Amino acid sequence: MKVLALIILFYSFLNSALAHKYENEIVFIDHPWMNIMQSNGAGYFSIKNKSTTNALIFIGAESKEINKIEIHEVVMDGEIMKMRPLIEGMSIEKNTTIEFKPKSYHLMFFGIHKMYKQGDLIDVKLFFKNANSLHIKFKVDSVKSSHNHDH
């Protein structure tokens, strides 16, 4: 019986570790991952406002491992794709999910303090104007020593 309990406990832990999901009373974050290019990076995830009454205001993020984190959006200026920071944060309507993905909303990480490799996790704290902060871990998907892409 003890062996069965240990097996169930092990699989419960393994399942929660692989889930890579984080939430509090209002916010649900799914699958945070990032790419690193030299000492900078871009972070992606989905964010859901679980509230059925109010918009969620996502205002920023910080990490002990990173000098500065900004919320960015990508917009088209004619035929040119441009990235720009959302200095005042972003509003996520009630009961809505927004995807942070390449060529769209994302977090920009400036000044990553140490060398990470694929599979490593980076602790980040997300801040909201009208909800409790949320600690999450971004999984490093790729690390490149240089990158050529236009902003």
Foldseek 3Di string as FASTA:
>chain_A
DVVVVVVVVVVVVVVVVVQQWWDDPFKIWGAWAWEAAAQKIKIWIKIWGAAPPFKWFWQAKDAPQFDGKFKWAWDDDPPDIDIDGPNRGDIHGHGGMDTCDPNGIIMMTHGGPDDDAAQDWGWMWTDIPPDDIIIGIYGYHHYHHHDDDDD
